[in-house]
C-alpha atoms as a PDB file:
ATOM      1  CA  UNK A   1     -12.396  -0.185  16.635  1.00  0.00           C
ATOM      2  CA  UNK A   2      -8.834  -0.673  17.244  1.00  0.00           C
ATOM      3  CA  UNK A   3      -6.964  -3.938  17.774  1.00  0.00           C
ATOM      4  CA  UNK A   4      -3.600  -3.023  19.929  1.00  0.00           C
ATOM      5  CA  UNK A   5      -0.412  -5.243  19.072  1.00  0.00           C
ATOM      6  CA  UNK A   6      -0.714  -8.638  19.168  1.00  0.00           C
ATOM      7  CA  UNK A   7       2.002 -10.380  20.093  1.00  0.00           C
ATOM      8  CA  UNK A   8       1.236 -14.101  19.265  1.00  0.00           C
ATOM      9  CA  UNK A   9       1.035 -13.224  15.145  1.00  0.00           C
ATOM     10  CA  UNK A  10       4.638 -12.636  15.284  1.00  0.00           C
ATOM     11  CA  UNK A  11       6.159 -16.443  15.558  1.00  0.00           C
ATOM     12  CA  UNK A  12       8.160 -18.693  13.659  1.00  0.00           C
ATOM     13  CA  UNK A  13      10.970 -20.982  13.102  1.00  0.00           C
ATOM     14  CA  UNK A  14      14.189 -20.403  15.396  1.00  0.00           C
ATOM     15  CA  UNK A  15      17.589 -21.440  13.764  1.00  0.00           C
ATOM     16  CA  UNK A  16      19.429 -20.932  17.070  1.00  0.00           C
ATOM     17  CA  UNK A  17      21.612 -23.296  17.193  1.00  0.00           C
ATOM     18  CA  UNK A  18      23.134 -22.554  13.645  1.00  0.00           C
ATOM     19  CA  UNK A  19      26.137 -20.181  12.973  1.00  0.00           C
ATOM     20  CA  UNK A  20      25.476 -16.366  11.627  1.00  0.00           C
ATOM     21  CA  UNK A  21      22.465 -14.567  11.786  1.00  0.00           C
ATOM     22  CA  UNK A  22      20.055 -16.921  11.868  1.00  0.00           C
ATOM     23  CA  UNK A  23      17.127 -14.213  12.890  1.00  0.00           C
ATOM     24  CA  UNK A  24      13.814 -13.827  11.451  1.00  0.00           C
ATOM     25  CA  UNK A  25      11.347 -10.745  10.801  1.00  0.00           C
ATOM     26  CA  UNK A  26       9.260 -11.894  14.157  1.00  0.00           C
ATOM     27  CA  UNK A  27      12.375 -11.572  16.138  1.00  0.00           C
ATOM     28  CA  UNK A  28      13.098  -8.243  15.043  1.00  0.00           C
ATOM     29  CA  UNK A  29       8.915  -6.522  16.159  1.00  0.00           C
ATOM     30  CA  UNK A  30       8.313  -4.490  18.597  1.00  0.00           C
ATOM     31  CA  UNK A  31       5.341  -3.133  19.660  1.00  0.00           C
ATOM     32  CA  UNK A  32       4.512   0.640  18.674  1.00  0.00           C
ATOM     33  CA  UNK A  33       3.928   2.963  21.749  1.00  0.00           C
ATOM     34  CA  UNK A  34       3.954   6.534  20.364  1.00  0.00           C
ATOM     35  CA  UNK A  35       8.095   7.072  20.896  1.00  0.00           C
ATOM     36  CA  UNK A  36       9.934   9.004  19.334  1.00  0.00           C
ATOM     37  CA  UNK A  37      11.943   6.428  16.494  1.00  0.00           C
ATOM     38  CA  UNK A  38      14.856   6.579  14.673  1.00  0.00           C
ATOM     39  CA  UNK A  39      14.254   8.460  11.254  1.00  0.00           C
ATOM     40  CA  UNK A  40      12.406   6.038   8.502  1.00  0.00           C
ATOM     41  CA  UNK A  41      11.931   3.520  10.992  1.00  0.00           C
ATOM     42  CA  UNK A  42       8.999   1.081   9.302  1.00  0.00           C
ATOM     43  CA  UNK A  43       5.877   0.816  11.564  1.00  0.00           C
ATOM     44  CA  UNK A  44       3.113  -1.639  10.361  1.00  0.00           C
ATOM     45  CA  UNK A  45      -0.750  -0.833  11.054  1.00  0.00           C
ATOM     46  CA  UNK A  46      -3.331  -3.050   9.956  1.00  0.00           C
ATOM     47  CA  UNK A  47      -6.674  -1.868   8.403  1.00  0.00           C
ATOM     48  CA  UNK A  48      -9.289  -4.424   8.336  1.00  0.00           C
ATOM     49  CA  UNK A  49     -12.101  -3.358   5.859  1.00  0.00           C
ATOM     50  CA  UNK A  50     -13.955  -4.997   3.601  1.00  0.00           C
ATOM     51  CA  UNK A  51     -16.729  -1.967   3.517  1.00  0.00           C
ATOM     52  CA  UNK A  52     -14.937  -0.385   0.110  1.00  0.00           C
ATOM     53  CA  UNK A  53     -15.046  -3.188  -1.959  1.00  0.00           C
ATOM     54  CA  UNK A  54     -18.711  -4.256  -0.519  1.00  0.00           C
ATOM     55  CA  UNK A  55     -19.942  -0.479  -1.522  1.00  0.00           C
ATOM     56  CA  UNK A  56     -18.062  -1.124  -5.377  1.00  0.00           C
ATOM     57  CA  UNK A  57     -19.415  -4.613  -5.447  1.00  0.00           C
ATOM     58  CA  UNK A  58     -16.405  -6.258  -5.295  1.00  0.00           C
ATOM     59  CA  UNK A  59     -15.805  -9.794  -3.347  1.00  0.00           C
ATOM     60  CA  UNK A  60     -15.633  -9.422   0.375  1.00  0.00           C
ATOM     61  CA  UNK A  61     -12.585 -10.867   2.264  1.00  0.00           C
ATOM     62  CA  UNK A  62     -10.068  -8.573   2.855  1.00  0.00           C
ATOM     63  CA  UNK A  63     -10.766  -7.372   6.055  1.00  0.00           C
ATOM     64  CA  UNK A  64      -9.328 -10.787   7.566  1.00  0.00           C
ATOM     65  CA  UNK A  65      -5.695  -9.390   5.487  1.00  0.00           C
ATOM     66  CA  UNK A  66      -3.323  -7.298   8.027  1.00  0.00           C
ATOM     67  CA  UNK A  67      -3.046 -10.512  10.483  1.00  0.00           C
ATOM     68  CA  UNK A  68      -2.326 -13.017   7.278  1.00  0.00           C
ATOM     69  CA  UNK A  69       0.366 -10.678   6.061  1.00  0.00           C
ATOM     70  CA  UNK A  70       1.431 -10.280   9.597  1.00  0.00           C
ATOM     71  CA  UNK A  71       1.941 -14.195   9.396  1.00  0.00           C
ATOM     72  CA  UNK A  72       3.342 -14.364   6.041  1.00  0.00           C
ATOM     73  CA  UNK A  73       5.907 -11.770   6.892  1.00  0.00           C
ATOM     74  CA  UNK A  74       6.808 -13.305   9.991  1.00  0.00           C
ATOM     75  CA  UNK A  75       9.118 -15.981   8.822  1.00  0.00           C
ATOM     76  CA  UNK A  76      11.108 -14.314   5.945  1.00  0.00           C
ATOM     77  CA  UNK A  77      14.936 -13.518   7.053  1.00  0.00           C
ATOM     78  CA  UNK A  78      15.380 -10.602   9.628  1.00  0.00           C
ATOM     79  CA  UNK A  79      16.614  -7.313   8.092  1.00  0.00           C
ATOM     80  CA  UNK A  80      20.201  -6.995   9.423  1.00  0.00           C
ATOM     81  CA  UNK A  81      19.908  -3.121  10.800  1.00  0.00           C
ATOM     82  CA  UNK A  82      16.020  -2.776  11.063  1.00  0.00           C
ATOM     83  CA  UNK A  83      13.863  -2.453  13.969  1.00  0.00           C
ATOM     84  CA  UNK A  84      10.449  -3.194  13.149  1.00  0.00           C
ATOM     85  CA  UNK A  85       7.328  -1.650  14.619  1.00  0.00           C
ATOM     86  CA  UNK A  86       3.681  -2.932  14.932  1.00  0.00           C
ATOM     87  CA  UNK A  87       0.892  -0.316  15.579  1.00  0.00           C
ATOM     88  CA  UNK A  88      -2.094  -2.545  15.863  1.00  0.00           C
ATOM     89  CA  UNK A  89      -5.187  -2.389  13.818  1.00  0.00           C
ATOM     90  CA  UNK A  90      -7.711  -0.173  13.035  1.00  0.00           C
ATOM     91  CA  UNK A  91     -10.841  -1.824  12.127  1.00  0.00           C
ATOM     92  CA  UNK A  92     -13.968  -1.465  10.126  1.00  0.00           C
ATOM     93  CA  UNK A  93     -16.717  -3.688  11.389  1.00  0.00           C
ATOM     94  CA  UNK A  94     -19.737  -1.151  11.665  1.00  0.00           C
ATOM     95  CA  UNK A  95     -19.971  -0.096   8.450  1.00  0.00           C
ATOM     96  CA  UNK A  96     -18.762   3.342   9.152  1.00  0.00           C
ATOM     97  CA  UNK A  97     -16.218   3.590   6.926  1.00  0.00           C
ATOM     98  CA  UNK A  98     -15.468   7.056   6.952  1.00  0.00           C
ATOM     99  CA  UNK A  99     -14.778   6.787  11.083  1.00  0.00           C
ATOM    100  CA  UNK A 100     -12.238   3.549   9.802  1.00  0.00           C
ATOM    101  CA  UNK A 101     -10.342   5.780   7.247  1.00  0.00           C
ATOM    102  CA  UNK A 102     -10.313   8.912  10.107  1.00  0.00           C
ATOM    103  CA  UNK A 103      -8.845   6.828  12.637  1.00  0.00           C
ATOM    104  CA  UNK A 104      -6.331   4.910  10.277  1.00  0.00           C
ATOM    105  CA  UNK A 105      -5.355   8.756   9.102  1.00  0.00           C
ATOM    106  CA  UNK A 106      -4.597   9.618  12.982  1.00  0.00           C
ATOM    107  CA  UNK A 107      -2.464   6.741  13.332  1.00  0.00           C
ATOM    108  CA  UNK A 108      -0.536   7.481  10.090  1.00  0.00           C
ATOM    109  CA  UNK A 109       0.159  10.659  11.466  1.00  0.00           C
ATOM    110  CA  UNK A 110       0.984   9.932  14.691  1.00  0.00           C
ATOM    111  CA  UNK A 111       3.589   7.346  13.474  1.00  0.00           C
ATOM    112  CA  UNK A 112       4.960   9.977  10.862  1.00  0.00           C
ATOM    113  CA  UNK A 113       5.276  12.541  13.508  1.00  0.00           C
ATOM    114  CA  UNK A 114       7.332   9.919  15.767  1.00  0.00           C
ATOM    115  CA  UNK A 115       9.749   9.813  12.654  1.00  0.00           C
ATOM    116  CA  UNK A 116       8.626   6.332  11.631  1.00  0.00           C
ATOM    117  CA  UNK A 117       7.299   5.199   8.422  1.00  0.00           C
ATOM    118  CA  UNK A 118       3.871   3.540   7.979  1.00  0.00           C
ATOM    119  CA  UNK A 119       3.733   0.591   6.325  1.00  0.00           C
ATOM    120  CA  UNK A 120      -0.263   0.239   5.983  1.00  0.00           C
ATOM    121  CA  UNK A 121      -1.602  -3.676   5.671  1.00  0.00           C
ATOM    122  CA  UNK A 122      -4.868  -3.713   3.907  1.00  0.00           C
ATOM    123  CA  UNK A 123      -7.910  -4.373   3.351  1.00  0.00           C
ATOM    124  CA  UNK A 124      -9.508  -3.326   0.449  1.00  0.00           C
ATOM    125  CA  UNK A 125      -8.018  -0.122  -1.741  1.00  0.00           C
ATOM    126  CA  UNK A 126     -10.757   2.471   0.512  1.00  0.00           C
ATOM    127  CA  UNK A 127      -7.271   1.988   2.724  1.00  0.00           C
ATOM    128  CA  UNK A 128      -5.222   4.622   0.224  1.00  0.00           C
ATOM    129  CA  UNK A 129      -7.657   7.424   1.507  1.00  0.00           C
ATOM    130  CA  UNK A 130      -6.969   6.659   5.091  1.00  0.00           C
ATOM    131  CA  UNK A 131      -3.106   6.309   4.225  1.00  0.00           C
ATOM    132  CA  UNK A 132      -3.169   9.803   2.394  1.00  0.00           C
ATOM    133  CA  UNK A 133      -5.074  11.689   4.561  1.00  0.00           C
ATOM    134  CA  UNK A 134      -2.737  10.953   7.738  1.00  0.00           C
ATOM    135  CA  UNK A 135       0.161  11.850   5.241  1.00  0.00           C
ATOM    136  CA  UNK A 136      -1.314  15.006   3.891  1.00  0.00           C
ATOM    137  CA  UNK A 137      -2.062  16.045   7.720  1.00  0.00           C
ATOM    138  CA  UNK A 138       1.757  15.676   8.440  1.00  0.00           C
ATOM    139  CA  UNK A 139       2.927  17.529   5.372  1.00  0.00           C
ATOM    140  CA  UNK A 140       0.260  20.044   5.619  1.00  0.00           C
ATOM    141  CA  UNK A 141      -0.458  22.304   2.361  1.00  0.00           C
ATOM    142  CA  UNK A 142       3.077  23.619   1.759  1.00  0.00           C
ATOM    143  CA  UNK A 143       3.322  24.183  -1.518  1.00  0.00           C
ATOM    144  CA  UNK A 144       6.674  23.784  -1.686  1.00  0.00           C
ATOM    145  CA  UNK A 145       6.657  20.152  -0.835  1.00  0.00           C
ATOM    146  CA  UNK A 146       5.849  18.253  -3.582  1.00  0.00           C
ATOM    147  CA  UNK A 147       4.165  14.715  -3.023  1.00  0.00           C
ATOM    148  CA  UNK A 148       3.854  11.840  -5.514  1.00  0.00           C
ATOM    149  CA  UNK A 149       1.386   9.438  -5.263  1.00  0.00           C
ATOM    150  CA  UNK A 150       2.485   6.216  -6.579  1.00  0.00           C
ATOM    151  CA  UNK A 151       0.131   3.691  -7.372  1.00  0.00           C
ATOM    152  CA  UNK A 152       0.599   0.354  -8.834  1.00  0.00           C
ATOM    153  CA  UNK A 153      -2.978  -1.057  -9.454  1.00  0.00           C
ATOM    154  CA  UNK A 154      -4.951  -2.117 -12.794  1.00  0.00           C
ATOM    155  CA  UNK A 155      -7.681   0.478 -12.001  1.00  0.00           C
ATOM    156  CA  UNK A 156      -7.305   4.502 -11.679  1.00  0.00           C
ATOM    157  CA  UNK A 157      -9.387   4.014  -8.686  1.00  0.00           C
ATOM    158  CA  UNK A 158     -10.602   7.801  -9.831  1.00  0.00           C
ATOM    159  CA  UNK A 159     -15.066   6.584  -9.802  1.00  0.00           C
ATOM    160  CA  UNK A 160     -16.489  10.187  -8.703  1.00  0.00           C
ATOM    161  CA  UNK A 161     -19.740   8.357  -7.258  1.00  0.00           C
ATOM    162  CA  UNK A 162     -20.074   8.747  -3.414  1.00  0.00           C
ATOM    163  CA  UNK A 163     -20.123   7.836  -0.476  1.00  0.00           C
ATOM    164  CA  UNK A 164     -16.783   6.670  -1.377  1.00  0.00           C
ATOM    165  CA  UNK A 165     -16.008   2.797  -1.866  1.00  0.00           C
ATOM    166  CA  UNK A 166     -12.579   1.037  -2.573  1.00  0.00           C
ATOM    167  CA  UNK A 167     -12.757   2.717  -6.118  1.00  0.00           C
ATOM    168  CA  UNK A 168     -12.789   6.458  -5.408  1.00  0.00           C
ATOM    169  CA  UNK A 169      -9.586   7.200  -3.072  1.00  0.00           C
ATOM    170  CA  UNK A 170      -7.248   8.734  -5.947  1.00  0.00           C
ATOM    171  CA  UNK A 171     -10.214  11.115  -6.810  1.00  0.00           C
ATOM    172  CA  UNK A 172     -11.107  11.832  -3.237  1.00  0.00           C
ATOM    173  CA  UNK A 173      -6.960  12.762  -3.139  1.00  0.00           C
ATOM    174  CA  UNK A 174      -7.803  14.869  -6.452  1.00  0.00           C
ATOM    175  CA  UNK A 175     -10.611  16.609  -4.802  1.00  0.00           C
ATOM    176  CA  UNK A 176      -8.566  17.411  -1.511  1.00  0.00           C
ATOM    177  CA  UNK A 177      -6.110  18.555  -3.382  1.00  0.00           C
ATOM    178  CA  UNK A 178      -7.891  21.053  -5.462  1.00  0.00           C
ATOM    179  CA  UNK A 179      -9.810  21.886  -1.815  1.00  0.00           C
ATOM    180  CA  UNK A 180      -6.198  22.898  -0.214  1.00  0.00           C
ATOM    181  CA  UNK A 181      -4.537  24.728  -3.698  1.00  0.00           C
ATOM    182  CA  UNK A 182      -1.968  21.828  -4.356  1.00  0.00           C
ATOM    183  CA  UNK A 183      -0.736  19.902  -7.297  1.00  0.00           C
ATOM    184  CA  UNK A 184      -3.005  16.082  -7.603  1.00  0.00           C
ATOM    185  CA  UNK A 185       0.683  14.528  -8.592  1.00  0.00           C
ATOM    186  CA  UNK A 186      -0.530  11.048  -9.439  1.00  0.00           C
ATOM    187  CA  UNK A 187       0.990   8.009 -11.403  1.00  0.00           C
ATOM    188  CA  UNK A 188      -0.542   4.730 -11.646  1.00  0.00           C
ATOM    189  CA  UNK A 189       1.265   1.642 -13.224  1.00  0.00           C
ATOM    190  CA  UNK A 190      -0.209  -1.114 -14.426  1.00  0.00           C
ATOM    191  CA  UNK A 191      -3.958  -0.095 -16.060  1.00  0.00           C
ATOM    192  CA  UNK A 192      -5.896  -2.317 -17.717  1.00  0.00           C
ATOM    193  CA  UNK A 193      -7.823  -0.819 -20.527  1.00  0.00           C
ATOM    194  CA  UNK A 194     -10.176  -3.492 -20.223  1.00  0.00           C
ATOM    195  CA  UNK A 195     -10.511  -3.000 -16.227  1.00  0.00           C
ATOM    196  CA  UNK A 196     -11.221   0.629 -17.050  1.00  0.00           C
ATOM    197  CA  UNK A 197     -14.283   2.404 -18.919  1.00  0.00           C
ATOM    198  CA  UNK A 198     -13.893   5.249 -21.028  1.00  0.00           C
ATOM    199  CA  UNK A 199     -15.377   7.256 -18.256  1.00  0.00           C
ATOM    200  CA  UNK A 200     -12.559   6.787 -16.137  1.00  0.00           C
ATOM    201  CA  UNK A 201      -9.481   7.350 -18.948  1.00  0.00           C
ATOM    202  CA  UNK A 202     -11.517  10.487 -19.762  1.00  0.00           C
ATOM    203  CA  UNK A 203     -11.593  11.674 -15.821  1.00  0.00           C
ATOM    204  CA  UNK A 204      -7.325  10.229 -15.737  1.00  0.00           C
ATOM    205  CA  UNK A 205      -7.158  12.530 -18.571  1.00  0.00           C
ATOM    206  CA  UNK A 206      -8.833  15.504 -17.248  1.00  0.00           C
ATOM    207  CA  UNK A 207      -6.804  15.582 -14.012  1.00  0.00           C
ATOM    208  CA  UNK A 208      -3.596  15.013 -15.736  1.00  0.00           C
ATOM    209  CA  UNK A 209      -2.687  11.768 -14.238  1.00  0.00           C
ATOM    210  CA  UNK A 210       0.405   9.763 -15.897  1.00  0.00           C
ATOM    211  CA  UNK A 211      -0.102   6.087 -16.145  1.00  0.00           C
ATOM    212  CA  UNK A 212       1.679   3.081 -17.708  1.00  0.00           C
ATOM    213  CA  UNK A 213      -0.689   0.627 -19.480  1.00  0.00           C
ATOM    214  CA  UNK A 214       0.152  -3.364 -17.953  1.00  0.00           C
ATOM    215  CA  UNK A 215       0.863  -3.769 -21.971  1.00  0.00           C
ATOM    216  CA  UNK A 216       3.654  -1.699 -21.460  1.00  0.00           C
ATOM    217  CA  UNK A 217       4.876  -2.810 -17.926  1.00  0.00           C
ATOM    218  CA  UNK A 218       6.365  -5.937 -19.132  1.00  0.00           C
ATOM    219  CA  UNK A 219      10.161  -7.567 -18.369  1.00  0.00           C
ATOM    220  CA  UNK A 220      11.425  -6.379 -21.199  1.00  0.00           C
ATOM    221  CA  UNK A 221      10.429  -2.941 -20.623  1.00  0.00           C
ATOM    222  CA  UNK A 222      11.296  -2.702 -17.454  1.00  0.00           C
ATOM    223  CA  UNK A 223      14.811  -0.790 -17.881  1.00  0.00           C
ATOM    224  CA  UNK A 224      12.587   2.126 -19.969  1.00  0.00           C
ATOM    225  CA  UNK A 225      10.372   2.336 -17.031  1.00  0.00           C
ATOM    226  CA  UNK A 226      12.774   2.387 -14.295  1.00  0.00           C
ATOM    227  CA  UNK A 227      14.098   5.235 -16.251  1.00  0.00           C
ATOM    228  CA  UNK A 228      11.094   7.174 -16.927  1.00  0.00           C
ATOM    229  CA  UNK A 229      10.206   5.981 -12.806  1.00  0.00           C
ATOM    230  CA  UNK A 230      13.184   7.843 -11.975  1.00  0.00           C
ATOM    231  CA  UNK A 231      12.207  11.106 -13.713  1.00  0.00           C
ATOM    232  CA  UNK A 232       9.365  11.226 -11.580  1.00  0.00           C
ATOM    233  CA  UNK A 233      11.019  10.491  -8.428  1.00  0.00           C
ATOM    234  CA  UNK A 234      13.485  13.035  -9.212  1.00  0.00           C
ATOM    235  CA  UNK A 235      10.750  15.876  -9.350  1.00  0.00           C
ATOM    236  CA  UNK A 236       9.162  15.016  -6.043  1.00  0.00           C
ATOM    237  CA  UNK A 237      10.149  15.609  -2.482  1.00  0.00           C
ATOM    238  CA  UNK A 238       7.691  13.326  -0.546  1.00  0.00           C
ATOM    239  CA  UNK A 239       6.565   9.785  -2.099  1.00  0.00           C
ATOM    240  CA  UNK A 240       3.557   7.928  -1.176  1.00  0.00           C
ATOM    241  CA  UNK A 241       3.249   4.423  -2.937  1.00  0.00           C
ATOM    242  CA  UNK A 242       0.273   1.904  -2.793  1.00  0.00           C
ATOM    243  CA  UNK A 243       0.194  -1.226  -4.116  1.00  0.00           C
ATOM    244  CA  UNK A 244      -3.257  -2.827  -5.241  1.00  0.00           C
ATOM    245  CA  UNK A 245      -2.334  -6.893  -5.546  1.00  0.00           C
ATOM    246  CA  UNK A 246      -4.727  -7.142  -8.342  1.00  0.00           C
ATOM    247  CA  UNK A 247      -1.858  -5.209 -10.529  1.00  0.00           C
ATOM    248  CA  UNK A 248      -0.011  -8.717 -10.439  1.00  0.00           C
ATOM    249  CA  UNK A 249      -1.060 -11.845 -12.947  1.00  0.00           C
ATOM    250  CA  UNK A 250      -3.703 -13.741 -11.676  1.00  0.00           C
ATOM    251  CA  UNK A 251      -1.741 -16.683 -11.416  1.00  0.00           C
ATOM    252  CA  UNK A 252       0.971 -15.005  -9.503  1.00  0.00           C
ATOM    253  CA  UNK A 253      -1.705 -13.299  -7.292  1.00  0.00           C
ATOM    254  CA  UNK A 254      -5.516 -14.885  -7.093  1.00  0.00           C
ATOM    255  CA  UNK A 255      -6.346 -13.949  -3.321  1.00  0.00           C
ATOM    256  CA  UNK A 256      -7.491 -10.592  -4.562  1.00  0.00           C
ATOM    257  CA  UNK A 257     -11.154  -9.613  -5.335  1.00  0.00           C
ATOM    258  CA  UNK A 258     -10.522  -8.879  -8.892  1.00  0.00           C
ATOM    259  CA  UNK A 259      -7.585 -11.102 -10.942  1.00  0.00           C
ATOM    260  CA  UNK A 260      -6.328  -9.613 -13.790  1.00  0.00           C
ATOM    261  CA  UNK A 261      -6.256 -11.749 -16.827  1.00  0.00           C
ATOM    262  CA  UNK A 262      -2.540  -9.983 -17.741  1.00  0.00           C
ATOM    263  CA  UNK A 263      -0.919  -8.079 -14.851  1.00  0.00           C
ATOM    264  CA  UNK A 264       2.191  -6.604 -14.530  1.00  0.00           C
ATOM    265  CA  UNK A 265       5.049  -9.235 -13.347  1.00  0.00           C
ATOM    266  CA  UNK A 266       5.801  -9.727  -9.773  1.00  0.00           C
ATOM    267  CA  UNK A 267       9.975  -8.855 -10.985  1.00  0.00           C
ATOM    268  CA  UNK A 268       8.673  -5.786 -12.632  1.00  0.00           C
ATOM    269  CA  UNK A 269       6.871  -4.209  -9.627  1.00  0.00           C
ATOM    270  CA  UNK A 270       9.538  -5.472  -7.006  1.00  0.00           C
ATOM    271  CA  UNK A 271      12.016  -3.646  -9.126  1.00  0.00           C
ATOM    272  CA  UNK A 272      10.136  -0.142  -9.226  1.00  0.00           C
ATOM    273  CA  UNK A 273       8.838  -0.470  -5.936  1.00  0.00           C
ATOM    274  CA  UNK A 274      12.555  -0.884  -4.953  1.00  0.00           C
ATOM    275  CA  UNK A 275      13.886   1.956  -6.586  1.00  0.00           C
ATOM    276  CA  UNK A 276      10.893   4.041  -4.996  1.00  0.00           C
ATOM    277  CA  UNK A 277      12.286   2.516  -1.524  1.00  0.00           C
ATOM    278  CA  UNK A 278      15.840   3.352  -2.806  1.00  0.00           C
ATOM    279  CA  UNK A 279      14.881   7.155  -3.629  1.00  0.00           C
ATOM    280  CA  UNK A 280      14.716   7.848   0.225  1.00  0.00           C
ATOM    281  CA  UNK A 281      11.622  10.360  -0.418  1.00  0.00           C
ATOM    282  CA  UNK A 282       8.826   7.498   0.784  1.00  0.00           C
ATOM    283  CA  UNK A 283       6.985   8.623   3.509  1.00  0.00           C
ATOM    284  CA  UNK A 284       4.339   5.890   3.659  1.00  0.00           C
ATOM    285  CA  UNK A 285       2.900   2.429   1.739  1.00  0.00           C
ATOM    286  CA  UNK A 286       0.267   0.351   1.677  1.00  0.00           C
ATOM    287  CA  UNK A 287      -0.670  -2.811   0.087  1.00  0.00           C
ATOM    288  CA  UNK A 288      -4.175  -3.625  -0.552  1.00  0.00           C
ATOM    289  CA  UNK A 289      -6.692  -5.915  -1.649  1.00  0.00           C
ATOM    290  CA  UNK A 290      -5.632  -8.959  -0.327  1.00  0.00           C
ATOM    291  CA  UNK A 291      -8.000 -11.265  -0.236  1.00  0.00           C
ATOM    292  CA  UNK A 292      -7.202 -14.980   2.183  1.00  0.00           C
ATOM    293  CA  UNK A 293     -10.797 -16.502   1.355  1.00  0.00           C
ATOM    294  CA  UNK A 294      -9.682 -16.583  -2.061  1.00  0.00           C
ATOM    295  CA  UNK A 295      -6.081 -17.119  -1.758  1.00  0.00           C
ATOM    296  CA  UNK A 296      -5.025 -20.688  -3.445  1.00  0.00           C
ATOM    297  CA  UNK A 297      -1.783 -22.029  -1.115  1.00  0.00           C
ATOM    298  CA  UNK A 298      -1.732 -18.853   0.848  1.00  0.00           C
ATOM    299  CA  UNK A 299       0.519 -17.843  -2.805  1.00  0.00           C
ATOM    300  CA  UNK A 300      -0.908 -14.383  -2.694  1.00  0.00           C
ATOM    301  CA  UNK A 301      -0.119 -14.258   0.961  1.00  0.00           C
ATOM    302  CA  UNK A 302       3.553 -14.629  -0.185  1.00  0.00           C
ATOM    303  CA  UNK A 303       3.557 -12.222  -2.826  1.00  0.00           C
ATOM    304  CA  UNK A 304       2.228  -9.650  -0.406  1.00  0.00           C
ATOM    305  CA  UNK A 305       4.887 -10.362   2.352  1.00  0.00           C
ATOM    306  CA  UNK A 306       8.226 -10.424  -0.186  1.00  0.00           C
ATOM    307  CA  UNK A 307       6.695  -6.962  -1.353  1.00  0.00           C
ATOM    308  CA  UNK A 308       6.228  -5.918   2.412  1.00  0.00           C
ATOM    309  CA  UNK A 309      10.019  -6.983   3.286  1.00  0.00           C
ATOM    310  CA  UNK A 310      11.460  -5.093   0.168  1.00  0.00           C
ATOM    311  CA  UNK A 311       9.954  -1.833   1.710  1.00  0.00           C
ATOM    312  CA  UNK A 312      10.984  -2.487   5.292  1.00  0.00           C
END
C-alpha cells in the first residue's frame, strides 16, 4: 500500500516579520509527481514497516517513523539553495514485506531516473534491501561502476535465514551481487563485538566486509577514520549510505529497537556522513530503526532529523 504526499505534515513556525532568510524546511517541500528534477535534488520517501523487525524478534514500532521524522525535520532552518520533494510513503501493513520492498525499490528507481537523490525514512532496517534494489535497478550490472555500500550500524545485518527480515538485508545484497557477477563492496561502521555472534563475524570475513568497531570510532579517533573513509570513497563511483540509528549511544538515540550500551558519538557519525555527502558520489541514503513508541522527549527524532538535514 502506498500513501501519497501529505502536506499537513510539513508545517511549523513562521518568522515572516524578521529580516533575512527565515524559512524553514517545511516551506521548501513540494510533492514529487515523477517530474524531471535538477541533478541531485533530494526526494524523501517513507517506508512504514515493522515486519522485518517482527520477523527478527525485535521491538516493533518503527512503522510509524516516517511521519514523525518528517515532522522533526520540518521545523529546521531551510537550506539556502536546496529544493526538496516528498514522494509519500510505501507501507507494509499486511505482512507482505517482499512486496513492500519491491514497491520501495520501484519508487527509488523512479526518483533516480528523474534525476533526484532518494532519502528514505524507515521503518526497520529491512528498508535497506528496498533502497538498494531500486539503486541497483537504476545502475544496472555495469562492472565498471563501483558501488560502495556504507552502513553505520552496531550490527552486520548479514543473517542468512529466510524469509528475509531486518537482520538480513546486507546478506541479500551479497547474494544479489554474486548473482550479477559484480563486487560486494560493503563497509560497516560502528560494529559492536557484543551485538554480533561469532558466526556473523565469520560471515563478514567470508564476504570480505570491511568494518570498524564502535570502540575504534570515538571522537579522539575521528581524524584517522575520516582519512580511512576518504580512501574508500575515492575508490568508488557510486555510494549508497544507510544509517541505523542504533549505532548511536542509547542515551543519544533511545528510540530504537536495540539501544547501544556504548555506541558511536553523534559528532562522529555526522562528520563521516557529511564526508560521504561531500564526495559528490552519494546516489541514495536511508535512515532506519527509529521507533517513536520507545523515544524519550522525541530525542531520537531530533537526532535523525539532524542527520537528514545534513544529507539534504
